[in-house]
């Protein structure tokens, strides 16, 4: 019988030349998509990578963002002018009198006559004595070897312990103390992370393929060896006269079957998806090369981290300004206020709810700003990686234009980034609100399991969002 040419799809085209060469990939593409790809072409502006000549996007959202920031600044300024931040932050003496106010007017500093029991001997003074230094208007004993101050040196450790206990008596102070106690571990972790990060970058840049294929090979061989070991143990134990040993043999049989199936499935995936796996490993290798040759991009998240820290500190000051607009008084001494430093704030009738709403809006503003900085740093890194990709070829590694990413982020697409970060901030705010409501409901219900279950479902839903 004559040879027949079978085309893709199984059709027997009888008039075809039996000696015709197989169709190319482009011919198959044309047959499949026809006129849809004939007139397709890449925009000439994109031929050399990201389009550099671009305008601004989402200007309206940028305007909303700026108005929101101006509103936060205006509210903070008003509360700072109408409130009394100094009184809110002022120390309190042993009689629960605020230093610098009332009978203590002109006496702005808190001095400790007895360092062994500082809070029971704290008095307001006009200035700290020679052997003391002022820290936020608290008179701290100097770590000095001056003979005139020698009598207080032995009591400094006890004073520091009492002061730390005072900070831990409220939620904000406890957070500060937690950071202080873990500061050494934080610094060590940062230094170690930097070293390991660079080591990992260079290791992946030079040996990405070798490491990846070695891990894949070890995993595949381990699955087969585990399968063999389980079946070997099964055949050794299943005929045992001991009931316990015989039952254990069934476990090895199940384990061998599971590992064998996993080994076969992984082998099939490696064979069928070899090209895709190789591309993925090449992408990891290229990413490591990009970071190794563009170390300045590492500075982007570092800079934005400090911007976020500054934003948090400014927002904390804004909260203090809002709270200082009320009637500030020292809290009555009790077990929970043994150091006398806690205060109460009473707002005017009809304004309490407004203050809480303002505080909630400012908290949302903090979330928006933090998410905006996160979006900025991610966008800059993406633009840098894109410019590096289009500038690279088979003969040379490209150049990453980090400056172009900064320009795009702060000039051309700042509105789009503000809009995206707003959506994320809304979800984060709702998650915090739901978590707070669930926590309060759980406390009120005495850890009722039904309430806890509802709270778990609500939190899971918010996490999914």
Protein backbone atom coordinates (compact mmCIF):
# COMPACT_ATOMS: atom_id res chain seq x y z
CA UNK A 1 0.00 0.00 0.00
CA UNK A 2 1.28 3.53 -0.71
CA UNK A 3 2.51 5.67 2.17
CA UNK A 4 -0.02 8.04 3.63
CA UNK A 5 0.59 11.39 5.30
CA UNK A 6 -1.41 11.80 8.49
CA UNK A 7 -1.82 15.44 9.55
CA UNK A 8 -2.34 16.82 13.04
CA UNK A 9 -5.76 15.72 14.20
CA UNK A 10 -5.59 12.36 12.36
CA UNK A 11 -6.91 13.53 8.97
CA UNK A 12 -5.74 11.58 5.89
CA UNK A 13 -5.19 14.09 3.12
CA UNK A 14 -5.01 11.82 0.02
CA UNK A 15 -3.77 14.47 -2.40
CA UNK A 16 -0.82 15.45 -0.24
CA UNK A 17 2.72 14.77 -1.35
CA UNK A 18 3.98 11.82 0.67
CA UNK A 19 7.47 13.30 0.59
CA UNK A 20 6.38 16.74 1.86
CA UNK A 21 8.40 17.92 4.89
CA UNK A 22 6.64 18.16 8.27
CA UNK A 23 4.97 21.45 9.05
CA UNK A 24 6.89 24.01 11.03
CA UNK A 25 5.68 25.43 14.31
CA UNK A 26 4.81 28.70 12.60
CA UNK A 27 2.79 26.90 9.91
CA UNK A 28 0.84 25.00 12.55
CA UNK A 29 0.22 28.29 14.36
CA UNK A 30 -1.10 29.86 11.15
CA UNK A 31 -3.34 26.88 10.46
CA UNK A 32 -4.74 27.01 13.99
CA UNK A 33 -5.29 30.75 14.39
CA UNK A 34 -5.41 31.92 10.77
CA UNK A 35 -5.98 35.62 10.30
CA UNK A 36 -5.88 36.29 14.05
CA UNK A 37 -2.07 36.24 14.10
CA UNK A 38 -1.36 37.44 10.55
CA UNK A 39 -1.62 41.12 11.32
CA UNK A 40 -0.32 40.91 14.90
CA UNK A 41 2.76 42.96 15.73
CA UNK A 42 4.43 44.25 18.85
CA UNK A 43 4.05 47.94 19.58
CA UNK A 44 7.32 49.57 18.39
CA UNK A 45 7.45 51.50 21.66
CA UNK A 46 7.83 48.20 23.55
CA UNK A 47 10.55 46.75 21.34
CA UNK A 48 13.32 47.93 23.66
CA UNK A 49 11.57 47.19 26.93
CA UNK A 50 9.38 49.34 29.21
CA UNK A 51 7.93 52.39 27.52
CA UNK A 52 9.78 55.38 28.94
CA UNK A 53 7.54 58.07 27.50
CA UNK A 54 4.39 57.74 29.58
CA UNK A 55 1.95 59.99 31.37
CA UNK A 56 0.31 59.82 34.79
CA UNK A 57 -2.33 57.25 35.69
CA UNK A 58 -5.23 57.36 38.17
CA UNK A 59 -4.77 61.05 38.91
CA UNK A 60 -8.15 61.20 40.67
CA UNK A 61 -7.10 58.54 43.19
CA UNK A 62 -3.84 60.38 43.74
CA UNK A 63 -5.85 63.50 44.51
CA UNK A 64 -7.97 61.57 47.02
CA UNK A 65 -4.80 60.22 48.65
CA UNK A 66 -3.28 63.68 48.94
CA UNK A 67 -6.53 65.12 50.36
CA UNK A 68 -6.61 62.29 52.90
CA UNK A 69 -3.01 62.99 53.99
CA UNK A 70 -3.72 66.72 54.22
CA UNK A 71 -6.80 65.91 56.32
CA UNK A 72 -4.76 63.77 58.71
CA UNK A 73 -2.17 66.55 59.01
CA UNK A 74 -4.87 69.16 59.60
CA UNK A 75 -6.59 67.12 62.32
CA UNK A 76 -3.24 66.43 64.00
CA UNK A 77 -2.31 70.12 63.88
CA UNK A 78 -5.69 71.17 65.31
CA UNK A 79 -5.48 68.63 68.14
CA UNK A 80 -1.89 69.63 68.84
CA UNK A 81 -2.93 73.29 69.08
CA UNK A 82 -6.11 72.70 71.12
CA UNK A 83 -4.87 69.82 73.24
CA UNK A 84 -2.00 69.52 75.70
CA UNK A 85 0.53 66.94 74.48
CA UNK A 86 3.02 67.96 77.17
CA UNK A 87 0.52 67.18 79.92
CA UNK A 88 -0.35 63.82 78.37
CA UNK A 89 3.34 62.84 78.32
CA UNK A 90 4.35 64.50 81.60
CA UNK A 91 5.53 62.31 84.52
CA UNK A 92 3.46 61.87 87.70
CA UNK A 93 4.75 62.07 91.29
CA UNK A 94 4.05 59.72 94.22
CA UNK A 95 0.86 61.63 95.09
CA UNK A 96 -0.55 61.20 91.55
CA UNK A 97 0.06 64.85 90.72
CA UNK A 98 1.21 65.67 87.19
CA UNK A 99 4.59 67.43 87.09
CA UNK A 100 4.45 70.97 85.68
CA UNK A 101 0.72 71.44 86.40
CA UNK A 102 -1.37 72.54 89.35
CA UNK A 103 0.65 72.69 92.56
CA UNK A 104 3.67 71.44 90.62
CA UNK A 105 3.70 74.29 88.14
CA UNK A 106 7.30 75.05 87.17
CA UNK A 107 8.42 71.64 88.44
CA UNK A 108 8.57 69.70 85.18
CA UNK A 109 10.98 66.91 86.14
CA UNK A 110 10.42 63.77 88.23
CA UNK A 111 13.14 63.07 90.78
CA UNK A 112 13.54 59.88 92.84
CA UNK A 113 14.69 60.37 96.42
CA UNK A 114 15.01 56.63 97.06
CA UNK A 115 16.22 54.52 94.15
CA UNK A 116 15.38 51.31 96.01
CA UNK A 117 11.66 52.24 95.87
CA UNK A 118 11.59 54.99 93.23
CA UNK A 119 7.85 55.37 92.63
CA UNK A 120 7.01 55.75 96.31
CA UNK A 121 9.62 58.51 96.62
CA UNK A 122 9.05 60.31 93.29
CA UNK A 123 8.69 64.08 93.58
CA UNK A 124 8.47 66.84 90.99
CA UNK A 125 11.44 69.22 90.82
CA UNK A 126 12.40 72.20 88.66
CA UNK A 127 15.54 70.46 87.35
CA UNK A 128 17.53 67.27 87.81
CA UNK A 129 20.41 67.35 90.28
CA UNK A 130 24.10 66.95 89.42
CA UNK A 131 24.15 63.16 89.65
CA UNK A 132 21.08 62.75 87.46
CA UNK A 133 20.25 63.33 83.78
CA UNK A 134 16.91 64.11 82.18
CA UNK A 135 15.32 61.48 79.91
CA UNK A 136 11.83 62.56 78.79
CA UNK A 137 11.71 64.65 82.00
CA UNK A 138 12.52 61.65 84.22
CA UNK A 139 15.67 62.14 86.29
CA UNK A 140 17.84 59.09 85.64
CA UNK A 141 20.94 58.44 87.79
CA UNK A 142 24.19 58.89 85.87
CA UNK A 143 26.50 55.95 85.24
CA UNK A 144 29.34 58.12 86.53
CA UNK A 145 32.41 57.27 88.60
CA UNK A 146 32.35 60.70 90.16
CA UNK A 147 33.04 60.39 93.90
CA UNK A 148 30.21 62.79 94.69
CA UNK A 149 27.72 60.42 93.03
CA UNK A 150 29.18 57.17 94.39
CA UNK A 151 26.34 56.67 96.85
CA UNK A 152 23.77 56.11 94.10
CA UNK A 153 25.79 53.70 91.93
CA UNK A 154 24.87 50.61 93.95
CA UNK A 155 21.15 51.38 93.62
CA UNK A 156 21.07 51.93 89.85
CA UNK A 157 20.28 48.31 88.96
CA UNK A 158 17.29 48.28 91.32
CA UNK A 159 16.05 51.56 89.84
CA UNK A 160 16.33 50.26 86.27
CA UNK A 161 14.39 47.14 87.25
CA UNK A 162 11.60 49.26 88.76
CA UNK A 163 11.48 51.49 85.71
CA UNK A 164 11.19 48.49 83.37
CA UNK A 165 8.36 47.13 85.54
CA UNK A 166 6.58 50.48 85.17
CA UNK A 167 6.85 50.32 81.38
CA UNK A 168 5.43 46.80 81.34
CA UNK A 169 2.39 47.90 83.35
CA UNK A 170 0.62 49.18 80.20
CA UNK A 171 0.20 47.85 76.68
CA UNK A 172 2.29 50.48 74.88
CA UNK A 173 5.15 50.26 77.36
CA UNK A 174 5.07 46.47 77.19
CA UNK A 175 5.57 46.61 73.43
CA UNK A 176 8.54 48.93 73.91
CA UNK A 177 10.07 46.62 76.52
CA UNK A 178 9.54 43.57 74.32
CA UNK A 179 11.46 45.31 71.54
CA UNK A 180 14.17 46.36 74.01
CA UNK A 181 14.58 42.85 75.40
CA UNK A 182 14.81 41.33 71.95
CA UNK A 183 16.94 44.13 70.48
CA UNK A 184 20.16 42.10 70.59
CA UNK A 185 18.47 39.17 68.86
CA UNK A 186 17.00 41.57 66.29
CA UNK A 187 20.39 43.12 65.49
CA UNK A 188 21.99 39.68 65.26
CA UNK A 189 19.22 38.43 63.02
CA UNK A 190 19.55 41.45 60.71
CA UNK A 191 23.31 40.98 60.39
CA UNK A 192 22.96 37.24 59.86
CA UNK A 193 20.17 37.77 57.32
CA UNK A 194 22.37 40.13 55.28
CA UNK A 195 25.26 37.64 55.26
CA UNK A 196 23.03 34.68 54.37
CA UNK A 197 21.19 36.73 51.74
CA UNK A 198 24.38 37.58 49.86
CA UNK A 199 25.70 34.04 50.27
CA UNK A 200 22.44 32.65 48.87
CA UNK A 201 22.46 35.12 45.96
CA UNK A 202 25.99 34.19 44.89
CA UNK A 203 25.38 30.49 45.46
CA UNK A 204 22.24 30.52 43.31
CA UNK A 205 23.87 32.72 40.67
CA UNK A 206 26.78 30.34 40.09
CA UNK A 207 25.27 26.96 40.97
CA UNK A 208 21.49 27.28 40.56
CA UNK A 209 21.10 24.49 38.02
CA UNK A 210 23.46 22.11 39.81
CA UNK A 211 21.73 22.66 43.16
CA UNK A 212 18.22 22.32 41.70
CA UNK A 213 18.93 19.14 39.73
CA UNK A 214 20.79 17.63 42.69
CA UNK A 215 17.84 18.24 45.01
CA UNK A 216 15.41 16.82 42.44
CA UNK A 217 17.61 13.77 41.93
CA UNK A 218 18.01 13.16 45.66
CA UNK A 219 14.24 13.47 46.14
CA UNK A 220 13.48 11.00 43.33
CA UNK A 221 16.07 8.47 44.50
CA UNK A 222 14.93 8.83 48.12
CA UNK A 223 11.34 8.00 47.13
CA UNK A 224 12.43 4.84 45.32
CA UNK A 225 14.78 3.81 48.16
CA UNK A 226 12.01 4.44 50.70
CA UNK A 227 9.65 2.32 48.64
CA UNK A 228 12.16 -0.51 48.49
CA UNK A 229 12.92 -0.29 52.19
CA UNK A 230 9.23 -0.42 53.14
CA UNK A 231 8.55 -3.46 50.93
CA UNK A 232 11.66 -5.18 52.27
CA UNK A 233 10.47 -4.66 55.83
CA UNK A 234 7.01 -5.90 54.86
CA UNK A 235 8.31 -9.17 53.40
CA UNK A 236 10.54 -9.64 56.45
CA UNK A 237 7.75 -9.14 58.99
CA UNK A 238 4.44 -10.17 57.42
CA UNK A 239 5.01 -13.92 57.99
CA UNK A 240 6.05 -13.45 61.61
CA UNK A 241 4.20 -15.45 64.27
CA UNK A 242 4.04 -12.37 66.47
CA UNK A 243 0.75 -10.53 66.05
CA UNK A 244 2.33 -7.17 66.88
CA UNK A 245 5.07 -7.63 64.28
CA UNK A 246 2.56 -8.83 61.67
CA UNK A 247 0.37 -5.74 62.21
CA UNK A 248 3.42 -3.52 61.91
CA UNK A 249 4.15 -5.18 58.55
CA UNK A 250 0.86 -3.84 57.17
CA UNK A 251 2.00 -0.34 58.02
CA UNK A 252 5.19 -0.85 56.02
CA UNK A 253 3.10 -2.17 53.12
CA UNK A 254 0.92 0.96 53.12
CA UNK A 255 3.99 3.16 53.39
CA UNK A 256 5.67 1.38 50.50
CA UNK A 257 2.60 1.76 48.29
CA UNK A 258 2.29 5.47 49.11
CA UNK A 259 5.99 6.16 48.52
CA UNK A 260 5.95 4.07 45.34
CA UNK A 261 2.99 6.01 43.93
CA UNK A 262 4.68 9.28 44.88
CA UNK A 263 7.90 8.17 43.15
CA UNK A 264 6.05 7.15 39.99
CA UNK A 265 3.99 10.34 39.90
CA UNK A 266 7.11 12.48 40.39
CA UNK A 267 8.94 10.57 37.65
CA UNK A 268 6.04 11.07 35.24
CA UNK A 269 5.94 14.78 36.10
CA UNK A 270 9.70 15.07 35.50
CA UNK A 271 9.46 13.36 32.11
CA UNK A 272 6.35 15.20 30.93
CA UNK A 273 7.27 18.59 32.33
CA UNK A 274 11.03 18.49 31.82
CA UNK A 275 11.12 21.57 29.60
CA UNK A 276 8.91 23.58 31.96
CA UNK A 277 11.06 22.54 34.92
CA UNK A 278 14.22 23.55 33.10
CA UNK A 279 12.71 26.93 32.28
CA UNK A 280 11.74 27.41 35.95
CA UNK A 281 15.30 26.62 37.07
CA UNK A 282 16.68 29.00 34.44
CA UNK A 283 14.35 31.71 35.78
CA UNK A 284 15.74 31.17 39.30
CA UNK A 285 19.26 31.35 37.90
CA UNK A 286 18.48 34.55 35.97
CA UNK A 287 16.86 36.11 39.05
CA UNK A 288 19.97 35.39 41.11
CA UNK A 289 22.14 36.91 38.35
CA UNK A 290 19.91 39.98 38.35
CA UNK A 291 20.29 40.51 42.12
CA UNK A 292 24.04 39.80 42.03
CA UNK A 293 24.66 42.35 39.29
CA UNK A 294 22.17 44.91 40.66
CA UNK A 295 22.99 45.06 44.37
CA UNK A 296 21.66 48.61 44.60
CA UNK A 297 18.13 47.22 44.24
CA UNK A 298 18.59 45.69 47.71
CA UNK A 299 18.60 49.22 49.09
CA UNK A 300 15.03 49.80 47.90
CA UNK A 301 13.27 47.70 50.58
CA UNK A 302 15.73 48.99 53.20
CA UNK A 303 14.90 52.62 52.43
CA UNK A 304 11.17 51.93 52.40
CA UNK A 305 11.46 50.06 55.69
CA UNK A 306 12.78 53.21 57.36
CA UNK A 307 10.07 55.27 55.65
CA UNK A 308 7.48 52.95 57.18
CA UNK A 309 9.10 53.30 60.61
CA UNK A 310 8.95 57.09 60.28
CA UNK A 311 5.29 56.87 59.22
CA UNK A 312 4.46 54.73 62.26
CA UNK A 313 6.22 57.14 64.64
CA UNK A 314 4.46 60.16 63.13
CA UNK A 315 1.10 58.40 63.37
CA UNK A 316 1.75 57.51 67.02
CA UNK A 317 2.42 61.19 67.70
CA UNK A 318 -0.84 62.02 65.88
CA UNK A 319 -2.71 59.62 68.21
CA UNK A 320 -1.17 61.37 71.21
CA UNK A 321 -2.30 64.73 69.82
CA UNK A 322 -5.87 63.46 69.37
CA UNK A 323 -6.00 61.99 72.87
CA UNK A 324 -4.49 65.10 74.44
CA UNK A 325 -7.49 67.20 73.40
CA UNK A 326 -9.55 65.75 76.26
CA UNK A 327 -9.43 66.40 79.99
CA UNK A 328 -6.22 64.73 81.18
CA UNK A 329 -5.88 63.50 84.76
CA UNK A 330 -3.63 61.06 86.57
CA UNK A 331 -5.19 57.67 87.20
CA UNK A 332 -5.89 56.77 90.80
CA UNK A 333 -3.14 54.66 92.32
CA UNK A 334 -3.95 50.95 92.32
CA UNK A 335 -2.34 47.58 91.79
CA UNK A 336 -2.41 48.16 88.04
CA UNK A 337 -0.99 51.67 88.47
CA UNK A 338 1.58 51.16 91.21
CA UNK A 339 4.03 53.48 89.45
CA UNK A 340 1.45 56.33 89.29
CA UNK A 341 2.31 57.04 85.61
CA UNK A 342 -0.97 56.06 83.96
CA UNK A 343 -3.46 58.77 82.97
CA UNK A 344 -7.12 58.97 82.06
CA UNK A 345 -8.62 61.14 79.32
CA UNK A 346 -12.21 62.38 79.47
CA UNK A 347 -13.66 64.02 76.38
CA UNK A 348 -16.35 66.65 76.41
CA UNK A 349 -19.93 65.43 76.27
CA UNK A 350 -20.92 64.54 72.75
CA UNK A 351 -17.35 64.50 71.39
CA UNK A 352 -16.11 61.14 72.70
CA UNK A 353 -17.48 59.20 69.73
CA UNK A 354 -16.00 61.75 67.34
CA UNK A 355 -12.55 61.24 68.84
CA UNK A 356 -12.80 57.48 68.46
CA UNK A 357 -13.89 57.90 64.83
CA UNK A 358 -10.95 60.20 64.20
CA UNK A 359 -8.59 57.68 65.78
CA UNK A 360 -10.05 54.90 63.61
CA UNK A 361 -9.62 57.00 60.46
CA UNK A 362 -6.02 57.75 61.40
CA UNK A 363 -5.39 54.05 61.97
CA UNK A 364 -6.78 53.36 58.49
CA UNK A 365 -4.51 56.12 57.18
CA UNK A 366 -1.51 54.36 58.71
CA UNK A 367 -2.50 51.11 57.00
CA UNK A 368 -2.91 52.96 53.70
CA UNK A 369 0.48 54.64 53.96
CA UNK A 370 2.27 51.39 54.90
CA UNK A 371 0.62 49.51 52.01
CA UNK A 372 1.49 52.39 49.69
CA UNK A 373 5.17 52.09 50.60
CA UNK A 374 4.98 48.30 50.11
CA UNK A 375 3.48 48.80 46.65
CA UNK A 376 6.14 51.38 45.79
CA UNK A 377 9.07 49.13 46.63
CA UNK A 378 7.58 46.14 44.79
CA UNK A 379 6.88 48.28 41.72
CA UNK A 380 10.43 49.69 41.64
CA UNK A 381 11.95 46.21 41.84
CA UNK A 382 9.65 44.96 39.05
CA UNK A 383 10.56 47.85 36.73
CA UNK A 384 14.25 47.31 37.47
CA UNK A 385 13.97 43.59 36.67
CA UNK A 386 12.09 44.34 33.44
CA UNK A 387 14.69 46.83 32.25
CA UNK A 388 17.41 44.29 33.08
CA UNK A 389 15.62 41.60 31.07
CA UNK A 390 15.19 43.66 27.90
CA UNK A 391 18.76 44.95 28.06
CA UNK A 392 20.18 41.41 28.30
CA UNK A 393 21.02 39.09 25.43
CA UNK A 394 23.07 35.97 24.73
CA UNK A 395 26.29 37.97 24.66
CA UNK A 396 25.96 40.10 27.81
CA UNK A 397 24.00 40.63 30.98
CA UNK A 398 21.85 43.71 30.93
CA UNK A 399 21.69 46.84 33.06
CA UNK A 400 18.86 47.37 35.54
CA UNK A 401 17.56 50.94 35.54
CA UNK A 402 16.49 51.40 39.18
CA UNK A 403 16.20 55.15 38.69
CA UNK A 404 13.57 54.62 36.01
CA UNK A 405 11.58 52.48 38.47
CA UNK A 406 11.74 55.26 41.07
CA UNK A 407 10.56 57.80 38.48
CA UNK A 408 7.66 55.61 37.38
CA UNK A 409 6.66 54.95 40.99
CA UNK A 410 6.71 58.56 42.15
CA UNK A 411 5.74 60.43 38.96
CA UNK A 412 3.85 58.32 36.43
CA UNK A 413 2.02 55.65 38.41
CA UNK A 414 1.81 57.02 41.94
CA UNK A 415 -1.97 57.31 41.54
CA UNK A 416 -2.36 53.66 40.53
CA UNK A 417 -0.19 52.55 43.44
CA UNK A 418 -2.27 54.69 45.80
CA UNK A 419 -5.45 53.09 44.45
CA UNK A 420 -4.15 49.54 44.82
CA UNK A 421 -2.81 50.16 48.31
CA UNK A 422 -6.18 51.67 49.29
CA UNK A 423 -7.96 48.41 48.41
CA UNK A 424 -5.46 46.36 50.43
CA UNK A 425 -5.74 48.81 53.36
CA UNK A 426 -9.54 48.41 53.37
CA UNK A 427 -9.20 44.62 53.61
CA UNK A 428 -6.57 44.93 56.36
CA UNK A 429 -8.74 47.38 58.30
CA UNK A 430 -11.76 45.06 58.10
CA UNK A 431 -9.61 42.15 59.24
CA UNK A 432 -8.43 44.10 62.30
CA UNK A 433 -12.00 45.20 63.11
CA UNK A 434 -13.34 41.65 62.84
CA UNK A 435 -10.48 40.26 64.94
CA UNK A 436 -11.10 42.90 67.63
CA UNK A 437 -14.85 42.26 67.72
CA UNK A 438 -14.30 38.50 67.96
CA UNK A 439 -11.74 38.94 70.74
CA UNK A 440 -14.05 41.15 72.77
CA UNK A 441 -17.02 38.80 72.18
CA UNK A 442 -14.95 35.81 73.25
CA UNK A 443 -13.93 37.52 76.48
CA UNK A 444 -17.52 38.58 77.18
CA UNK A 445 -18.86 35.07 76.52
CA UNK A 446 -16.27 33.34 78.67
CA UNK A 447 -14.53 31.58 75.76
CA UNK A 448 -17.79 30.15 74.46
CA UNK A 449 -16.85 27.52 71.81
CA UNK A 450 -19.61 28.67 69.44
CA UNK A 451 -18.35 32.25 69.53
CA UNK A 452 -14.78 31.06 69.05
CA UNK A 453 -15.84 28.97 66.05
CA UNK A 454 -17.66 31.93 64.47
CA UNK A 455 -14.61 34.08 65.11
CA UNK A 456 -12.34 31.50 63.52
CA UNK A 457 -14.51 31.38 60.38
CA UNK A 458 -14.65 35.20 60.20
CA UNK A 459 -10.89 35.51 60.56
CA UNK A 460 -10.32 32.84 57.92
CA UNK A 461 -12.62 34.68 55.50
CA UNK A 462 -10.74 37.93 56.07
CA UNK A 463 -7.39 36.17 55.58
CA UNK A 464 -8.65 34.79 52.25
CA UNK A 465 -9.57 38.29 51.16
